Amino acid sequence: MKDMEYYVKTEPDVYSSIFKNRYQLLKNVLDEDVDQLNKYESVVIFATGSSSNAAYSAVPFMNNQLQIPVFVEEPSFSASYSKGINPNTLYIAISQGGHSYSTIHMVETIQQEKGTIYTLTSDLNSPIAKVSEHVIDMGMGIEEMPYVTLGYSSTILILDLLALEIAKKVKTSSDYEKNLAEIELIIDQMPKVIEHSEKWAKKYLEQIDYQTRIIFIGYGSGYGVSREGETKVTETVRMTAFGKELEEYMHGPYLGLHEDDQIVFIEPQGLLEERADKLKDFLKGHVPNVTTLYKNNRSELNGLDLVFNIDVNELLASLFMTIPIHLLSFKASQIRNINLNSSAFPEFDEITKSKI
């Protein structure tokens, strides 16, 4: 039976396929006239759950490439409380499975108001694909597991490539070839990332009381990774987890620190690395379990730190830094004998109508 681990291990091949077929997958957007693409003053991405986490993981790179503001919004909140469609905004809706009620409703609303919205989904026969005027195929097939891993990662890659190709077309970026080469490097290194992540997850679960509260802290592209850590651990291990942005955690949440908390830093080694080091210095005086996932080499390491040794732009680090968290979540759920193929609350969707 296909499980989370199976889909993690397919990521190298799927990444490679998406990369090679990016022009065809993104054709609907890239075929827009250059003048129209230049008219966009901002990008708004509608997504929930892991799709939202993936969007946050891609936002820093998209912003850097497009040189315009990029926002992530909850579709239900926007539909209920944000009024007015901006014709100079490029809207993107993400629903990997294509059944999210709130995202489908947002697509219909924007289309009714004559806004431009592209829908990113893996199922071209899904409800959201059927109501969408502009569909982007994620190019990964259908993930037969509700606790998505492959879909989360593929969403980041698609969004990064979309920004990269639009930037090339409208000439807002001069580092196209460099970024392209770094994405290829990441794809080539993915099997090693998975191998090292498996070993790290096994070691972590052997040495840490994983059933205590876990807090993921990240910044830049690592912020979306920290959010995904919260989502996946909560969903699969069914215990308390939080995913915080670095500065957000430093402005209040640290006051709720418990001695037995697990702290995991997502460290893309970018603009705020020194700031993160100062927070770690504080935390190590109060909790014993502070672990860091590093993008590249680091001279001073703790016993459970993980180093990927991938020297790329910090804004692309989210393409691989979630893999150990996905594997940790899956392996912890197996230790606790949690059946991820069976819903914990089968009546939920029927009562709430959150999925169509």
Protein backbone atom coordinates (compact mmCIF):
# COMPACT_ATOMS: atom_id res chain seq x y z
CA MET A 1 0.00 0.00 0.00
CA LYS A 2 1.27 3.49 -0.85
CA ASP A 3 2.11 5.51 2.25
CA MET A 4 3.84 8.81 3.10
CA GLU A 5 7.28 7.24 2.87
CA TYR A 6 6.51 5.87 -0.58
CA TYR A 7 5.57 9.32 -1.87
CA VAL A 8 8.63 10.97 -0.29
CA LYS A 9 10.81 8.51 -2.16
CA THR A 10 9.13 9.37 -5.48
CA GLU A 11 10.05 13.05 -5.14
CA PRO A 12 13.35 12.87 -7.08
CA ASP A 13 11.67 11.39 -10.15
CA VAL A 14 8.63 13.68 -9.93
CA TYR A 15 10.83 16.76 -9.44
CA SER A 16 12.82 15.77 -12.50
CA SER A 17 9.66 15.30 -14.56
CA ILE A 18 8.15 18.63 -13.46
CA PHE A 19 11.40 20.43 -14.23
CA LYS A 20 11.71 18.93 -17.70
CA ASN A 21 8.04 19.55 -18.54
CA ARG A 22 7.72 22.98 -16.92
CA TYR A 23 6.93 24.87 -20.13
CA GLN A 24 4.02 22.58 -20.96
CA LEU A 25 2.72 22.54 -17.37
CA LEU A 26 2.89 26.33 -17.07
CA LYS A 27 1.82 27.07 -20.64
CA ASN A 28 -1.47 28.75 -19.69
CA VAL A 29 0.32 31.44 -17.70
CA LEU A 30 3.47 31.77 -19.81
CA ASP A 31 1.38 32.24 -22.97
CA GLU A 32 0.03 35.50 -21.58
CA ASP A 33 1.19 38.57 -23.45
CA VAL A 34 4.27 40.25 -21.95
CA ASP A 35 2.34 43.49 -21.55
CA GLN A 36 -0.32 41.68 -19.54
CA LEU A 37 2.26 39.98 -17.32
CA ASN A 38 3.88 43.36 -16.73
CA LYS A 39 0.54 44.81 -15.60
CA TYR A 40 0.40 42.56 -12.57
CA GLU A 41 1.22 44.59 -9.47
CA SER A 42 0.92 41.72 -6.99
CA VAL A 43 0.26 37.99 -6.65
CA VAL A 44 -2.31 36.54 -4.24
CA ILE A 45 -2.28 32.81 -3.55
CA PHE A 46 -5.37 31.15 -2.05
CA ALA A 47 -4.66 27.94 -0.20
CA THR A 48 -5.33 26.02 3.01
CA GLY A 49 -3.46 23.33 4.96
CA SER A 50 -0.33 21.89 3.37
CA SER A 51 -1.04 23.84 0.17
CA SER A 52 -0.83 27.03 2.21
CA ASN A 53 2.40 25.86 3.86
CA ALA A 54 3.89 25.15 0.44
CA ALA A 55 2.87 28.60 -0.77
CA TYR A 56 4.61 30.25 2.19
CA SER A 57 7.68 28.16 1.38
CA ALA A 58 7.73 29.55 -2.17
CA VAL A 59 6.80 33.18 -1.42
CA PRO A 60 10.33 34.52 -0.72
CA PHE A 61 11.67 33.17 -4.01
CA MET A 62 8.62 34.32 -5.96
CA ASN A 63 8.88 37.79 -4.47
CA ASN A 64 12.58 37.98 -5.28
CA GLN A 65 12.03 36.93 -8.88
CA LEU A 66 8.89 38.88 -9.72
CA GLN A 67 9.83 42.02 -7.80
CA ILE A 68 6.21 42.54 -6.74
CA PRO A 69 4.42 41.65 -3.48
CA VAL A 70 3.28 38.03 -3.14
CA PHE A 71 0.66 37.19 -0.51
CA VAL A 72 -0.89 33.98 0.81
CA GLU A 73 -4.52 34.19 1.92
CA GLU A 74 -7.01 31.77 3.41
CA PRO A 75 -9.81 31.48 0.81
CA SER A 76 -12.60 31.33 3.38
CA PHE A 77 -11.43 34.52 5.10
CA SER A 78 -10.96 36.34 1.80
CA ALA A 79 -14.35 35.28 0.43
CA SER A 80 -16.11 36.36 3.61
CA TYR A 81 -14.27 39.53 4.60
CA SER A 82 -12.09 40.84 1.76
CA LYS A 83 -14.08 42.68 -0.86
CA GLY A 84 -13.06 43.78 -4.33
CA ILE A 85 -11.05 42.09 -7.09
CA ASN A 86 -7.99 43.91 -8.42
CA PRO A 87 -7.63 43.48 -12.20
CA ASN A 88 -3.88 44.05 -11.81
CA THR A 89 -3.44 41.16 -9.39
CA LEU A 90 -2.49 37.68 -10.52
CA TYR A 91 -4.54 35.24 -8.45
CA ILE A 92 -3.51 31.62 -7.91
CA ALA A 93 -5.65 28.97 -6.20
CA ILE A 94 -4.05 25.78 -4.91
CA SER A 95 -6.02 22.62 -4.20
CA GLN A 96 -3.92 19.54 -4.76
CA GLY A 97 -6.79 17.07 -4.49
CA GLY A 98 -9.25 19.56 -5.94
CA HIS A 99 -12.02 19.09 -3.36
CA SER A 100 -11.52 22.01 -0.95
CA TYR A 101 -14.87 23.80 -0.64
CA SER A 102 -13.45 27.19 0.34
CA THR A 103 -10.88 27.25 -2.48
CA ILE A 104 -13.45 26.18 -5.08
CA HIS A 105 -15.77 28.93 -3.86
CA MET A 106 -12.95 31.49 -4.14
CA VAL A 107 -12.20 30.48 -7.73
CA GLU A 108 -15.86 30.85 -8.68
CA THR A 109 -16.09 34.24 -6.97
CA ILE A 110 -13.06 35.71 -8.73
CA GLN A 111 -14.15 34.39 -12.11
CA GLN A 112 -17.61 35.88 -11.63
CA GLU A 113 -15.98 39.24 -10.91
CA LYS A 114 -13.77 38.95 -14.02
CA GLY A 115 -10.50 38.54 -12.17
CA THR A 116 -7.62 36.43 -13.51
CA ILE A 117 -7.10 33.26 -11.47
CA TYR A 118 -5.08 30.14 -12.22
CA THR A 119 -5.87 26.91 -10.40
CA LEU A 120 -3.05 24.58 -9.43
CA THR A 121 -4.23 20.97 -8.91
CA SER A 122 -3.03 17.40 -9.42
CA ASP A 123 -6.45 16.06 -10.48
CA LEU A 124 -7.73 17.46 -13.76
CA ASN A 125 -11.07 15.73 -13.20
CA SER A 126 -11.61 17.18 -9.73
CA PRO A 127 -14.40 19.60 -8.79
CA ILE A 128 -12.02 22.58 -8.74
CA ALA A 129 -10.62 21.73 -12.18
CA LYS A 130 -14.14 21.53 -13.59
CA VAL A 131 -15.11 25.02 -12.42
CA SER A 132 -11.78 26.68 -13.26
CA GLU A 133 -11.24 28.58 -16.49
CA HIS A 134 -7.44 28.33 -16.19
CA VAL A 135 -5.92 25.12 -14.81
CA ILE A 136 -2.27 24.32 -14.11
CA ASP A 137 -1.52 20.60 -13.92
CA MET A 138 0.93 19.90 -11.10
CA GLY A 139 2.47 17.13 -13.19
CA MET A 140 2.74 14.61 -10.34
CA GLY A 141 -0.27 12.35 -10.74
CA ILE A 142 -2.75 11.77 -7.92
CA GLU A 143 -1.38 11.23 -4.42
CA GLU A 144 -3.42 8.43 -2.84
CA MET A 145 -2.76 9.51 0.72
CA PRO A 146 -4.58 12.30 2.61
CA TYR A 147 -1.43 13.32 4.52
CA VAL A 148 0.36 14.77 1.54
CA THR A 149 4.13 14.89 1.11
CA LEU A 150 4.77 14.71 -2.64
CA GLY A 151 2.02 17.23 -3.36
CA TYR A 152 3.40 19.71 -0.82
CA SER A 153 6.90 19.53 -2.32
CA SER A 154 5.65 19.60 -5.91
CA THR A 155 3.63 22.73 -5.17
CA ILE A 156 6.77 24.57 -4.05
CA LEU A 157 8.66 23.51 -7.17
CA ILE A 158 5.81 24.53 -9.51
CA LEU A 159 5.49 27.95 -7.85
CA ASP A 160 9.26 28.53 -7.91
CA LEU A 161 9.45 27.59 -11.59
CA LEU A 162 6.42 29.73 -12.40
CA ALA A 163 8.07 32.78 -10.84
CA LEU A 164 11.40 32.00 -12.52
CA GLU A 165 9.89 31.67 -15.99
CA ILE A 166 7.66 34.74 -15.67
CA ALA A 167 10.65 36.76 -14.43
CA LYS A 168 12.64 35.65 -17.45
CA LYS A 169 9.85 36.68 -19.80
CA VAL A 170 9.28 40.13 -18.27
CA LYS A 171 13.00 40.63 -17.55
CA THR A 172 12.76 41.27 -13.80
CA SER A 173 15.55 38.79 -13.04
CA SER A 174 19.11 38.53 -14.31
CA ASP A 175 20.01 35.28 -12.53
CA TYR A 176 17.81 32.87 -14.49
CA GLU A 177 20.55 30.42 -15.46
CA LYS A 178 22.06 30.41 -11.97
CA ASN A 179 18.72 29.61 -10.32
CA LEU A 180 17.94 26.99 -12.94
CA ALA A 181 21.29 25.31 -12.26
CA GLU A 182 20.68 25.36 -8.50
CA ILE A 183 17.24 23.76 -8.90
CA GLU A 184 18.86 21.06 -11.03
CA LEU A 185 21.48 20.56 -8.32
CA ILE A 186 18.75 20.11 -5.71
CA ILE A 187 16.98 17.55 -7.92
CA ASP A 188 20.25 15.62 -8.37
CA GLN A 189 20.83 15.64 -4.60
CA MET A 190 17.31 14.53 -3.63
CA PRO A 191 18.14 10.80 -3.24
CA LYS A 192 20.94 11.69 -0.80
CA VAL A 193 18.64 14.10 1.04
CA ILE A 194 16.12 11.30 1.53
CA GLU A 195 18.82 8.86 2.65
CA HIS A 196 20.26 11.27 5.22
CA SER A 197 16.78 12.29 6.38
CA GLU A 198 15.78 8.67 7.01
CA LYS A 199 18.84 8.10 9.18
CA TRP A 200 18.22 11.37 11.04
CA ALA A 201 14.56 10.57 11.73
CA LYS A 202 15.46 7.11 13.07
CA LYS A 203 18.16 8.57 15.33
CA TYR A 204 15.88 11.37 16.52
CA LEU A 205 13.10 8.98 17.53
CA GLU A 206 15.57 6.76 19.37
CA GLN A 207 17.00 9.59 21.45
CA ILE A 208 14.13 12.03 22.02
CA ASP A 209 10.82 11.56 23.82
CA TYR A 210 8.93 12.46 20.66
CA GLN A 211 5.56 12.43 22.44
CA THR A 212 6.27 15.77 24.14
CA ARG A 213 5.37 19.06 22.48
CA ILE A 214 7.42 19.94 19.39
CA ILE A 215 8.00 23.46 18.05
CA PHE A 216 9.38 24.14 14.57
CA ILE A 217 11.00 27.55 14.01
CA GLY A 218 11.98 28.93 10.61
CA TYR A 219 12.48 32.09 8.61
CA GLY A 220 12.49 33.01 4.93
CA SER A 221 11.67 29.93 2.86
CA GLY A 222 12.01 27.93 6.10
CA TYR A 223 8.89 29.55 7.53
CA GLY A 224 6.61 27.47 5.32
CA VAL A 225 8.62 24.40 6.32
CA SER A 226 8.01 25.14 10.00
CA ARG A 227 4.27 25.49 9.30
CA GLU A 228 4.30 22.16 7.50
CA GLY A 229 6.02 20.61 10.51
CA GLU A 230 3.12 21.74 12.68
CA THR A 231 0.57 20.43 10.20
CA LYS A 232 2.12 17.01 9.61
CA VAL A 233 3.01 16.18 13.21
CA THR A 234 -0.46 17.23 14.37
CA GLU A 235 -2.17 15.22 11.62
CA THR A 236 -0.11 12.04 11.76
CA VAL A 237 1.27 11.74 15.30
CA ARG A 238 -1.79 13.47 16.79
CA MET A 239 0.09 15.45 19.40
CA THR A 240 0.74 19.13 20.04
CA ALA A 241 3.00 20.82 17.50
CA PHE A 242 3.61 24.43 16.50
CA GLY A 243 5.26 26.02 13.48
CA LYS A 244 6.50 29.56 14.06
CA GLU A 245 8.35 32.25 12.16
CA LEU A 246 11.58 33.16 13.94
CA GLU A 247 10.67 36.67 15.02
CA GLU A 248 7.08 35.69 15.75
CA TYR A 249 8.30 33.10 18.26
CA MET A 250 10.57 35.68 19.88
CA HIS A 251 7.64 38.06 20.47
CA GLY A 252 5.58 36.14 22.99
CA PRO A 253 5.41 32.38 22.34
CA TYR A 254 8.80 31.78 23.99
CA LEU A 255 7.16 32.69 27.30
CA GLY A 256 5.18 29.45 27.12
CA LEU A 257 8.37 27.38 26.92
CA HIS A 258 8.31 24.02 28.75
CA GLU A 259 11.43 22.21 29.89
CA ASP A 260 10.48 19.09 27.93
CA ASP A 261 9.70 20.93 24.68
CA GLN A 262 11.39 19.73 21.52
CA ILE A 263 12.68 22.63 19.41
CA VAL A 264 13.58 22.08 15.75
CA PHE A 265 15.10 24.99 13.79
CA ILE A 266 14.79 25.12 10.01
CA GLU A 267 18.00 26.90 9.00
CA PRO A 268 18.36 27.91 5.33
CA GLN A 269 21.47 29.89 6.38
CA GLY A 270 20.27 33.17 5.05
CA LEU A 271 19.75 36.74 6.19
CA LEU A 272 18.52 35.85 9.69
CA GLU A 273 20.97 33.08 10.61
CA GLU A 274 22.71 35.21 13.23
CA ARG A 275 19.35 36.12 14.74
CA ALA A 276 18.40 32.44 14.92
CA ASP A 277 21.71 31.64 16.63
CA LYS A 278 20.92 34.14 19.39
CA LEU A 279 17.54 32.53 19.99
CA LYS A 280 19.18 29.10 20.14
CA ASP A 281 21.67 30.38 22.72
CA PHE A 282 18.72 31.44 24.88
CA LEU A 283 16.76 28.22 24.40
CA LYS A 284 19.69 25.95 25.20
CA GLY A 285 19.76 27.46 28.67
CA HIS A 286 16.21 26.26 29.30
CA VAL A 287 15.52 23.11 27.27
CA PRO A 288 17.81 20.16 26.45
CA ASN A 289 16.30 19.26 23.08
CA VAL A 290 17.26 21.93 20.52
CA THR A 291 17.94 20.54 17.05
CA THR A 292 18.75 22.30 13.77
CA LEU A 293 18.32 21.28 10.14
CA TYR A 294 21.04 23.10 8.17
CA LYS A 295 21.05 23.69 4.43
CA ASN A 296 24.82 23.63 4.15
CA ASN A 297 28.03 23.04 6.11
CA ARG A 298 28.20 24.32 9.67
CA SER A 299 31.28 24.24 11.91
CA GLU A 300 29.53 23.81 15.27
CA LEU A 301 26.95 21.03 15.47
CA ASN A 302 24.95 19.29 18.17
CA GLY A 303 24.43 15.54 18.20
CA LEU A 304 21.05 15.51 16.43
CA ASP A 305 21.67 18.35 13.99
CA LEU A 306 21.27 17.47 10.31
CA VAL A 307 23.41 19.03 7.57
CA PHE A 308 22.38 18.62 3.93
CA ASN A 309 25.58 20.05 2.39
CA ILE A 310 23.69 21.68 -0.47
CA ASP A 311 25.12 25.08 -1.38
CA VAL A 312 22.20 26.90 -3.02
CA ASN A 313 20.25 30.12 -2.65
CA GLU A 314 18.53 30.22 0.76
CA LEU A 315 15.25 30.97 -1.03
CA LEU A 316 15.32 27.54 -2.71
CA ALA A 317 16.07 25.56 0.46
CA SER A 318 12.40 24.74 1.08
CA LEU A 319 12.54 22.42 -1.93
CA PHE A 320 14.30 19.81 0.21
CA MET A 321 14.29 20.85 3.87
CA THR A 322 10.85 19.42 4.68
CA ILE A 323 11.80 15.84 3.81
CA PRO A 324 13.20 14.94 7.26
CA ILE A 325 10.08 16.38 8.90
CA HIS A 326 7.75 14.35 6.67
CA LEU A 327 9.73 11.19 7.41
CA LEU A 328 9.86 11.96 11.13
CA SER A 329 6.08 12.39 11.18
CA PHE A 330 5.47 9.16 9.32
CA LYS A 331 7.88 7.05 11.40
CA ALA A 332 6.52 8.45 14.68
CA SER A 333 2.98 7.58 13.60
CA GLN A 334 4.09 4.01 12.89
CA ILE A 335 5.67 3.68 16.33
CA ARG A 336 2.38 4.81 17.85
CA ASN A 337 0.46 2.35 15.66
CA ILE A 338 -1.65 5.07 14.08
CA ASN A 339 -3.34 3.89 10.90
CA LEU A 340 -2.97 6.78 8.46
CA ASN A 341 -5.14 5.04 5.89
CA SER A 342 -8.14 5.27 8.19
CA SER A 343 -9.72 8.60 9.15
CA ALA A 344 -9.59 9.47 12.85
CA PHE A 345 -12.93 11.27 12.51
CA PRO A 346 -14.80 9.82 9.50
CA GLU A 347 -17.84 12.00 10.14
CA PHE A 348 -15.89 15.27 9.90
CA ASP A 349 -16.26 16.05 6.19
CA GLU A 350 -19.90 14.98 6.19
CA ILE A 351 -20.74 17.36 9.04
CA THR A 352 -18.57 20.34 8.06
CA LYS A 353 -18.79 20.04 4.25
CA SER A 354 -15.16 21.19 4.03
CA LYS A 355 -14.58 18.93 1.02
CA ILE A 356 -16.73 18.50 -2.07
